[in-house]
Amino acid sequence: MEKKNTEKLIKRLIPFVALWGVTKVLERPNVRGAIAEVDSHAYIKQRKVRRSIRRAGQNAVSNPAWLAAGAAAIAVGIGLMAKAARGK
């Protein structure tokens, strides 16, 4: 009976011990530095994407003729693909 209780106790403690170990590893200075570097790269990429989307929107607004031509080309392409998929 005693062995089963000990086994249950150990199985209950494993997740807490694992969490404690991971926390200790993440608190080390070299790991913190690496995480900060990864975060900064992710932030820079996110900022570049935001700028790119904003620039695309501004370009579309300032060139409405090109926007209309592009939309028409997409519509024609979809129509042609549908016609080809229909078969004979």
PDB file of N, CA and C in Angstrom:
ATOM      1  N   MET A   1       0.816  -1.180   0.000  1.00  0.00           N
ATOM      2  CA  MET A   1       0.000   0.000   0.000  1.00  0.00           C
ATOM      3  C   MET A   1       0.867   1.255   0.000  1.00  0.00           C
ATOM      4  N   GLU A   2       1.957   1.226   0.741  1.00  0.00           N
ATOM      5  CA  GLU A   2       2.836   2.385   0.873  1.00  0.00           C
ATOM      6  C   GLU A   2       3.487   2.724  -0.474  1.00  0.00           C
ATOM      7  N   LYS A   3       3.826   1.721  -1.255  1.00  0.00           N
ATOM      8  CA  LYS A   3       4.492   1.943  -2.536  1.00  0.00           C
ATOM      9  C   LYS A   3       3.562   2.687  -3.502  1.00  0.00           C
ATOM     10  N   LYS A   4       2.285   2.340  -3.520  1.00  0.00           N
ATOM     11  CA  LYS A   4       1.339   2.991  -4.417  1.00  0.00           C
ATOM     12  C   LYS A   4       1.161   4.467  -4.051  1.00  0.00           C
ATOM     13  N   ASN A   5       1.106   4.769  -2.777  1.00  0.00           N
ATOM     14  CA  ASN A   5       0.969   6.161  -2.356  1.00  0.00           C
ATOM     15  C   ASN A   5       2.202   6.971  -2.741  1.00  0.00           C
ATOM     16  N   THR A   6       3.375   6.394  -2.580  1.00  0.00           N
ATOM     17  CA  THR A   6       4.616   7.073  -2.955  1.00  0.00           C
ATOM     18  C   THR A   6       4.644   7.306  -4.457  1.00  0.00           C
ATOM     19  N   GLU A   7       4.226   6.311  -5.210  1.00  0.00           N
ATOM     20  CA  GLU A   7       4.205   6.446  -6.663  1.00  0.00           C
ATOM     21  C   GLU A   7       3.233   7.547  -7.096  1.00  0.00           C
ATOM     22  N   LYS A   8       2.079   7.601  -6.454  1.00  0.00           N
ATOM     23  CA  LYS A   8       1.104   8.650  -6.760  1.00  0.00           C
ATOM     24  C   LYS A   8       1.687  10.033  -6.445  1.00  0.00           C
ATOM     25  N   LEU A   9       2.356  10.138  -5.312  1.00  0.00           N
ATOM     26  CA  LEU A   9       2.955  11.402  -4.901  1.00  0.00           C
ATOM     27  C   LEU A   9       4.010  11.848  -5.904  1.00  0.00           C
ATOM     28  N   ILE A  10       4.835  10.932  -6.336  1.00  0.00           N
ATOM     29  CA  ILE A  10       5.885  11.265  -7.307  1.00  0.00           C
ATOM     30  C   ILE A  10       5.258  11.703  -8.629  1.00  0.00           C
ATOM     31  N   LYS A  11       4.221  11.003  -9.065  1.00  0.00           N
ATOM     32  CA  LYS A  11       3.558  11.370 -10.318  1.00  0.00           C
ATOM     33  C   LYS A  11       2.887  12.743 -10.221  1.00  0.00           C
ATOM     34  N   ARG A  12       2.421  13.086  -9.048  1.00  0.00           N
ATOM     35  CA  ARG A  12       1.814  14.400  -8.862  1.00  0.00           C
ATOM     36  C   ARG A  12       2.870  15.500  -8.849  1.00  0.00           C
ATOM     37  N   LEU A  13       4.052  15.205  -8.354  1.00  0.00           N
ATOM     38  CA  LEU A  13       5.100  16.219  -8.232  1.00  0.00           C
ATOM     39  C   LEU A  13       5.850  16.481  -9.541  1.00  0.00           C
ATOM     40  N   ILE A  14       5.838  15.539 -10.459  1.00  0.00           N
ATOM     41  CA  ILE A  14       6.627  15.664 -11.693  1.00  0.00           C
ATOM     42  C   ILE A  14       6.317  16.957 -12.462  1.00  0.00           C
ATOM     43  N   PRO A  15       5.044  17.306 -12.712  1.00  0.00           N
ATOM     44  CA  PRO A  15       4.799  18.547 -13.468  1.00  0.00           C
ATOM     45  C   PRO A  15       5.325  19.803 -12.766  1.00  0.00           C
ATOM     46  N   PHE A  16       5.204  19.853 -11.450  1.00  0.00           N
ATOM     47  CA  PHE A  16       5.676  21.019 -10.709  1.00  0.00           C
ATOM     48  C   PHE A  16       7.193  21.124 -10.748  1.00  0.00           C
ATOM     49  N   VAL A  17       7.860  20.005 -10.629  1.00  0.00           N
ATOM     50  CA  VAL A  17       9.325  19.995 -10.685  1.00  0.00           C
ATOM     51  C   VAL A  17       9.796  20.383 -12.084  1.00  0.00           C
ATOM     52  N   ALA A  18       9.117  19.870 -13.105  1.00  0.00           N
ATOM     53  CA  ALA A  18       9.481  20.222 -14.481  1.00  0.00           C
ATOM     54  C   ALA A  18       9.280  21.713 -14.724  1.00  0.00           C
ATOM     55  N   LEU A  19       8.186  22.261 -14.257  1.00  0.00           N
ATOM     56  CA  LEU A  19       7.916  23.688 -14.408  1.00  0.00           C
ATOM     57  C   LEU A  19       8.966  24.518 -13.686  1.00  0.00           C
ATOM     58  N   TRP A  20       9.333  24.103 -12.499  1.00  0.00           N
ATOM     59  CA  TRP A  20      10.361  24.800 -11.738  1.00  0.00           C
ATOM     60  C   TRP A  20      11.680  24.787 -12.508  1.00  0.00           C
ATOM     61  N   GLY A  21      12.028  23.633 -13.078  1.00  0.00           N
ATOM     62  CA  GLY A  21      13.280  23.517 -13.832  1.00  0.00           C
ATOM     63  C   GLY A  21      13.292  24.406 -15.072  1.00  0.00           C
ATOM     64  N   VAL A  22      12.195  24.415 -15.795  1.00  0.00           N
ATOM     65  CA  VAL A  22      12.118  25.266 -16.983  1.00  0.00           C
ATOM     66  C   VAL A  22      12.207  26.733 -16.594  1.00  0.00           C
ATOM     67  N   THR A  23      11.554  27.110 -15.512  1.00  0.00           N
ATOM     68  CA  THR A  23      11.604  28.488 -15.032  1.00  0.00           C
ATOM     69  C   THR A  23      13.039  28.876 -14.675  1.00  0.00           C
ATOM     70  N   LYS A  24      13.745  27.996 -14.003  1.00  0.00           N
ATOM     71  CA  LYS A  24      15.129  28.285 -13.625  1.00  0.00           C
ATOM     72  C   LYS A  24      16.011  28.468 -14.860  1.00  0.00           C
ATOM     73  N   VAL A  25      15.787  27.650 -15.878  1.00  0.00           N
ATOM     74  CA  VAL A  25      16.581  27.764 -17.103  1.00  0.00           C
ATOM     75  C   VAL A  25      16.276  29.088 -17.796  1.00  0.00           C
ATOM     76  N   LEU A  26      14.995  29.460 -17.850  1.00  0.00           N
ATOM     77  CA  LEU A  26      14.613  30.696 -18.531  1.00  0.00           C
ATOM     78  C   LEU A  26      15.072  31.942 -17.785  1.00  0.00           C
ATOM     79  N   GLU A  27      15.360  31.830 -16.500  1.00  0.00           N
ATOM     80  CA  GLU A  27      15.806  32.974 -15.722  1.00  0.00           C
ATOM     81  C   GLU A  27      17.301  33.235 -15.854  1.00  0.00           C
ATOM     82  N   ARG A  28      18.041  32.341 -16.491  1.00  0.00           N
ATOM     83  CA  ARG A  28      19.478  32.537 -16.639  1.00  0.00           C
ATOM     84  C   ARG A  28      19.745  33.722 -17.563  1.00  0.00           C
ATOM     85  N   PRO A  29      20.781  34.494 -17.279  1.00  0.00           N
ATOM     86  CA  PRO A  29      21.053  35.710 -18.060  1.00  0.00           C
ATOM     87  C   PRO A  29      21.275  35.452 -19.555  1.00  0.00           C
ATOM     88  N   ASN A  30      22.009  34.392 -19.904  1.00  0.00           N
ATOM     89  CA  ASN A  30      22.266  34.159 -21.329  1.00  0.00           C
ATOM     90  C   ASN A  30      20.990  33.756 -22.068  1.00  0.00           C
ATOM     91  N   VAL A  31      20.090  33.048 -21.396  1.00  0.00           N
ATOM     92  CA  VAL A  31      18.826  32.680 -22.013  1.00  0.00           C
ATOM     93  C   VAL A  31      17.937  33.915 -22.141  1.00  0.00           C
ATOM     94  N   ARG A  32      17.933  34.763 -21.122  1.00  0.00           N
ATOM     95  CA  ARG A  32      17.151  35.998 -21.190  1.00  0.00           C
ATOM     96  C   ARG A  32      17.610  36.869 -22.350  1.00  0.00           C
ATOM     97  N   GLY A  33      18.917  36.949 -22.550  1.00  0.00           N
ATOM     98  CA  GLY A  33      19.456  37.737 -23.662  1.00  0.00           C
ATOM     99  C   GLY A  33      19.021  37.180 -25.008  1.00  0.00           C
ATOM    100  N   ALA A  34      19.066  35.859 -25.131  1.00  0.00           N
ATOM    101  CA  ALA A  34      18.654  35.230 -26.388  1.00  0.00           C
ATOM    102  C   ALA A  34      17.175  35.467 -26.656  1.00  0.00           C
ATOM    103  N   ILE A  35      16.358  35.366 -25.622  1.00  0.00           N
ATOM    104  CA  ILE A  35      14.922  35.588 -25.778  1.00  0.00           C
ATOM    105  C   ILE A  35      14.650  37.042 -26.161  1.00  0.00           C
ATOM    106  N   ALA A  36      15.363  37.967 -25.554  1.00  0.00           N
ATOM    107  CA  ALA A  36      15.199  39.386 -25.888  1.00  0.00           C
ATOM    108  C   ALA A  36      15.580  39.648 -27.337  1.00  0.00           C
ATOM    109  N   GLU A  37      16.638  38.993 -27.805  1.00  0.00           N
ATOM    110  CA  GLU A  37      17.072  39.167 -29.192  1.00  0.00           C
ATOM    111  C   GLU A  37      16.018  38.630 -30.161  1.00  0.00           C
ATOM    112  N   VAL A  38      15.469  37.466 -29.862  1.00  0.00           N
ATOM    113  CA  VAL A  38      14.420  36.890 -30.712  1.00  0.00           C
ATOM    114  C   VAL A  38      13.195  37.801 -30.726  1.00  0.00           C
ATOM    115  N   ASP A  39      12.828  38.324 -29.567  1.00  0.00           N
ATOM    116  CA  ASP A  39      11.680  39.228 -29.488  1.00  0.00           C
ATOM    117  C   ASP A  39      11.915  40.493 -30.320  1.00  0.00           C
ATOM    118  N   SER A  40      13.134  41.019 -30.273  1.00  0.00           N
ATOM    119  CA  SER A  40      13.413  42.239 -31.027  1.00  0.00           C
ATOM    120  C   SER A  40      13.327  41.983 -32.530  1.00  0.00           C
ATOM    121  N   HIS A  41      13.826  40.830 -32.975  1.00  0.00           N
ATOM    122  CA  HIS A  41      13.730  40.491 -34.394  1.00  0.00           C
ATOM    123  C   HIS A  41      12.270  40.339 -34.814  1.00  0.00           C
ATOM    124  N   ALA A  42      11.475  39.711 -33.974  1.00  0.00           N
ATOM    125  CA  ALA A  42      10.056  39.537 -34.290  1.00  0.00           C
ATOM    126  C   ALA A  42       9.368  40.894 -34.364  1.00  0.00           C
ATOM    127  N   TYR A  43       9.715  41.811 -33.469  1.00  0.00           N
ATOM    128  CA  TYR A  43       9.108  43.142 -33.477  1.00  0.00           C
ATOM    129  C   TYR A  43       9.490  43.901 -34.740  1.00  0.00           C
ATOM    130  N   ILE A  44      10.747  43.789 -35.153  1.00  0.00           N
ATOM    131  CA  ILE A  44      11.205  44.477 -36.359  1.00  0.00           C
ATOM    132  C   ILE A  44      10.467  43.948 -37.580  1.00  0.00           C
ATOM    133  N   LYS A  45      10.314  42.628 -37.674  1.00  0.00           N
ATOM    134  CA  LYS A  45       9.600  42.051 -38.814  1.00  0.00           C
ATOM    135  C   LYS A  45       8.145  42.489 -38.818  1.00  0.00           C
ATOM    136  N   GLN A  46       7.526  42.529 -37.655  1.00  0.00           N
ATOM    137  CA  GLN A  46       6.127  42.952 -37.551  1.00  0.00           C
ATOM    138  C   GLN A  46       5.985  44.410 -38.000  1.00  0.00           C
ATOM    139  N   ARG A  47       6.924  45.255 -37.605  1.00  0.00           N
ATOM    140  CA  ARG A  47       6.883  46.660 -37.995  1.00  0.00           C
ATOM    141  C   ARG A  47       7.056  46.810 -39.504  1.00  0.00           C
ATOM    142  N   LYS A  48       7.944  46.006 -40.097  1.00  0.00           N
ATOM    143  CA  LYS A  48       8.147  46.067 -41.545  1.00  0.00           C
ATOM    144  C   LYS A  48       6.889  45.627 -42.297  1.00  0.00           C
ATOM    145  N   VAL A  49       6.219  44.619 -41.791  1.00  0.00           N
ATOM    146  CA  VAL A  49       4.988  44.157 -42.433  1.00  0.00           C
ATOM    147  C   VAL A  49       3.920  45.244 -42.358  1.00  0.00           C
ATOM    148  N   ARG A  50       3.784  45.872 -41.197  1.00  0.00           N
ATOM    149  CA  ARG A  50       2.807  46.957 -41.051  1.00  0.00           C
ATOM    150  C   ARG A  50       3.089  48.084 -42.042  1.00  0.00           C
ATOM    151  N   ARG A  51       4.355  48.465 -42.161  1.00  0.00           N
ATOM    152  CA  ARG A  51       4.728  49.524 -43.109  1.00  0.00           C
ATOM    153  C   ARG A  51       4.400  49.107 -44.537  1.00  0.00           C
ATOM    154  N   SER A  52       4.691  47.875 -44.876  1.00  0.00           N
ATOM    155  CA  SER A  52       4.444  47.386 -46.224  1.00  0.00           C
ATOM    156  C   SER A  52       2.958  47.422 -46.557  1.00  0.00           C
ATOM    157  N   ILE A  53       2.130  46.991 -45.619  1.00  0.00           N
ATOM    158  CA  ILE A  53       0.683  47.001 -45.849  1.00  0.00           C
ATOM    159  C   ILE A  53       0.180  48.433 -45.985  1.00  0.00           C
ATOM    160  N   ARG A  54       0.658  49.319 -45.133  1.00  0.00           N
ATOM    161  CA  ARG A  54       0.253  50.724 -45.209  1.00  0.00           C
ATOM    162  C   ARG A  54       0.679  51.329 -46.542  1.00  0.00           C
ATOM    163  N   ARG A  55       1.893  51.015 -46.979  1.00  0.00           N
ATOM    164  CA  ARG A  55       2.401  51.533 -48.249  1.00  0.00           C
ATOM    165  C   ARG A  55       1.572  51.008 -49.419  1.00  0.00           C
ATOM    166  N   ALA A  56       1.185  49.727 -49.373  1.00  0.00           N
ATOM    167  CA  ALA A  56       0.358  49.147 -50.437  1.00  0.00           C
ATOM    168  C   ALA A  56      -0.998  49.836 -50.493  1.00  0.00           C
ATOM    169  N   GLY A  57      -1.570  50.110 -49.342  1.00  0.00           N
ATOM    170  CA  GLY A  57      -2.850  50.822 -49.306  1.00  0.00           C
ATOM    171  C   GLY A  57      -2.729  52.221 -49.876  1.00  0.00           C
ATOM    172  N   GLN A  58      -1.651  52.923 -49.520  1.00  0.00           N
ATOM    173  CA  GLN A  58      -1.439  54.281 -50.038  1.00  0.00           C
ATOM    174  C   GLN A  58      -1.223  54.255 -51.550  1.00  0.00           C
ATOM    175  N   ASN A  59      -0.495  53.259 -52.031  1.00  0.00           N
ATOM    176  CA  ASN A  59      -0.272  53.135 -53.473  1.00  0.00           C
ATOM    177  C   ASN A  59      -1.583  52.871 -54.206  1.00  0.00           C
ATOM    178  N   ALA A  60      -2.427  52.022 -53.623  1.00  0.00           N
ATOM    179  CA  ALA A  60      -3.704  51.714 -54.260  1.00  0.00           C
ATOM    180  C   ALA A  60      -4.597  52.951 -54.316  1.00  0.00           C
ATOM    181  N   VAL A  61      -4.588  53.739 -53.263  1.00  0.00           N
ATOM    182  CA  VAL A  61      -5.412  54.953 -53.231  1.00  0.00           C
ATOM    183  C   VAL A  61      -4.890  55.982 -54.230  1.00  0.00           C
ATOM    184  N   SER A  62      -3.586  56.098 -54.345  1.00  0.00           N
ATOM    185  CA  SER A  62      -3.024  57.116 -55.231  1.00  0.00           C
ATOM    186  C   SER A  62      -3.019  56.690 -56.699  1.00  0.00           C
ATOM    187  N   ASN A  63      -3.284  55.433 -57.007  1.00  0.00           N
ATOM    188  CA  ASN A  63      -3.315  54.947 -58.389  1.00  0.00           C
ATOM    189  C   ASN A  63      -4.604  54.157 -58.642  1.00  0.00           C
ATOM    190  N   PRO A  64      -5.748  54.818 -58.644  1.00  0.00           N
ATOM    191  CA  PRO A  64      -7.016  54.086 -58.781  1.00  0.00           C
ATOM    192  C   PRO A  64      -7.169  53.390 -60.128  1.00  0.00           C
ATOM    193  N   ALA A  65      -6.572  53.959 -61.185  1.00  0.00           N
ATOM    194  CA  ALA A  65      -6.674  53.323 -62.503  1.00  0.00           C
ATOM    195  C   ALA A  65      -5.962  51.973 -62.502  1.00  0.00           C
ATOM    196  N   TRP A  66      -4.787  51.925 -61.895  1.00  0.00           N
ATOM    197  CA  TRP A  66      -4.048  50.661 -61.830  1.00  0.00           C
ATOM    198  C   TRP A  66      -4.774  49.649 -60.958  1.00  0.00           C
ATOM    199  N   LEU A  67      -5.399  50.134 -59.896  1.00  0.00           N
ATOM    200  CA  LEU A  67      -6.164  49.250 -59.026  1.00  0.00           C
ATOM    201  C   LEU A  67      -7.331  48.629 -59.793  1.00  0.00           C
ATOM    202  N   ALA A  68      -8.041  49.449 -60.566  1.00  0.00           N
ATOM    203  CA  ALA A  68      -9.171  48.945 -61.349  1.00  0.00           C
ATOM    204  C   ALA A  68      -8.689  47.961 -62.413  1.00  0.00           C
ATOM    205  N   ALA A  69      -7.569  48.282 -63.059  1.00  0.00           N
ATOM    206  CA  ALA A  69      -7.031  47.384 -64.087  1.00  0.00           C
ATOM    207  C   ALA A  69      -6.619  46.043 -63.475  1.00  0.00           C
ATOM    208  N   GLY A  70      -6.016  46.085 -62.309  1.00  0.00           N
ATOM    209  CA  GLY A  70      -5.611  44.843 -61.638  1.00  0.00           C
ATOM    210  C   GLY A  70      -6.804  44.007 -61.230  1.00  0.00           C
ATOM    211  N   ALA A  71      -7.843  44.651 -60.706  1.00  0.00           N
ATOM    212  CA  ALA A  71      -9.049  43.920 -60.318  1.00  0.00           C
ATOM    213  C   ALA A  71      -9.705  43.296 -61.540  1.00  0.00           C
ATOM    214  N   ALA A  72      -9.732  44.045 -62.673  1.00  0.00           N
ATOM    215  CA  ALA A  72     -10.318  43.506 -63.904  1.00  0.00           C
ATOM    216  C   ALA A  72      -9.510  42.305 -64.400  1.00  0.00           C
ATOM    217  N   ALA A  73      -8.189  42.390 -64.314  1.00  0.00           N
ATOM    218  CA  ALA A  73      -7.345  41.281 -64.758  1.00  0.00           C
ATOM    219  C   ALA A  73      -7.581  40.039 -63.908  1.00  0.00           C
ATOM    220  N   ILE A  74      -7.756  40.238 -62.623  1.00  0.00           N
ATOM    221  CA  ILE A  74      -8.031  39.099 -61.737  1.00  0.00           C
ATOM    222  C   ILE A  74      -9.380  38.487 -62.087  1.00  0.00           C
ATOM    223  N   ALA A  75     -10.375  39.323 -62.338  1.00  0.00           N
ATOM    224  CA  ALA A  75     -11.705  38.818 -62.685  1.00  0.00           C
ATOM    225  C   ALA A  75     -11.670  38.046 -64.001  1.00  0.00           C
ATOM    226  N   VAL A  76     -10.945  38.558 -64.995  1.00  0.00           N
ATOM    227  CA  VAL A  76     -10.820  37.865 -66.279  1.00  0.00           C
ATOM    228  C   VAL A  76     -10.104  36.534 -66.076  1.00  0.00           C
ATOM    229  N   GLY A  77      -9.057  36.532 -65.280  1.00  0.00           N
ATOM    230  CA  GLY A  77      -8.317  35.288 -65.027  1.00  0.00           C
ATOM    231  C   GLY A  77      -9.174  34.241 -64.357  1.00  0.00           C
ATOM    232  N   ILE A  78      -9.967  34.639 -63.376  1.00  0.00           N
ATOM    233  CA  ILE A  78     -10.855  33.690 -62.697  1.00  0.00           C
ATOM    234  C   ILE A  78     -11.891  33.160 -63.679  1.00  0.00           C
ATOM    235  N   GLY A  79     -12.407  34.054 -64.531  1.00  0.00           N
ATOM    236  CA  GLY A  79     -13.389  33.622 -65.539  1.00  0.00           C
ATOM    237  C   GLY A  79     -12.795  32.616 -66.506  1.00  0.00           C
ATOM    238  N   LEU A  80     -11.587  32.861 -66.954  1.00  0.00           N
ATOM    239  CA  LEU A  80     -10.925  31.933 -67.864  1.00  0.00           C
ATOM    240  C   LEU A  80     -10.640  30.587 -67.209  1.00  0.00           C
ATOM    241  N   MET A  81     -10.234  30.626 -65.934  1.00  0.00           N
ATOM    242  CA  MET A  81      -9.991  29.366 -65.213  1.00  0.00           C
ATOM    243  C   MET A  81     -11.277  28.584 -65.036  1.00  0.00           C
ATOM    244  N   ALA A  82     -12.386  29.270 -64.765  1.00  0.00           N
ATOM    245  CA  ALA A  82     -13.671  28.596 -64.618  1.00  0.00           C
ATOM    246  C   ALA A  82     -14.104  27.987 -65.942  1.00  0.00           C
ATOM    247  N   LYS A  83     -13.872  28.722 -67.020  1.00  0.00           N
ATOM    248  CA  LYS A  83     -14.244  28.215 -68.348  1.00  0.00           C
ATOM    249  C   LYS A  83     -13.414  26.976 -68.694  1.00  0.00           C
ATOM    250  N   ALA A  84     -12.133  27.010 -68.370  1.00  0.00           N
ATOM    251  CA  ALA A  84     -11.253  25.874 -68.654  1.00  0.00           C
ATOM    252  C   ALA A  84     -11.603  24.670 -67.784  1.00  0.00           C
ATOM    253  N   ALA A  85     -12.041  24.922 -66.563  1.00  0.00           N
ATOM    254  CA  ALA A  85     -12.358  23.826 -65.650  1.00  0.00           C
ATOM    255  C   ALA A  85     -13.671  23.149 -66.035  1.00  0.00           C
ATOM    256  N   ARG A  86     -14.551  23.898 -66.683  1.00  0.00           N
ATOM    257  CA  ARG A  86     -15.844  23.345 -67.089  1.00  0.00           C
ATOM    258  C   ARG A  86     -15.682  22.202 -68.082  1.00  0.00           C
ATOM    259  N   GLY A  87     -14.700  22.301 -68.942  1.00  0.00           N
ATOM    260  CA  GLY A  87     -14.485  21.248 -69.922  1.00  0.00           C
ATOM    261  C   GLY A  87     -15.360  21.447 -71.144  1.00  0.00           C
ATOM    262  N   LYS A  88     -15.420  20.400 -71.962  1.00  0.00           N
ATOM    263  CA  LYS A  88     -16.177  20.501 -73.217  1.00  0.00           C
ATOM    264  C   LYS A  88     -17.509  19.829 -73.130  1.00  0.00           C
TER     265      LYS A  88
END
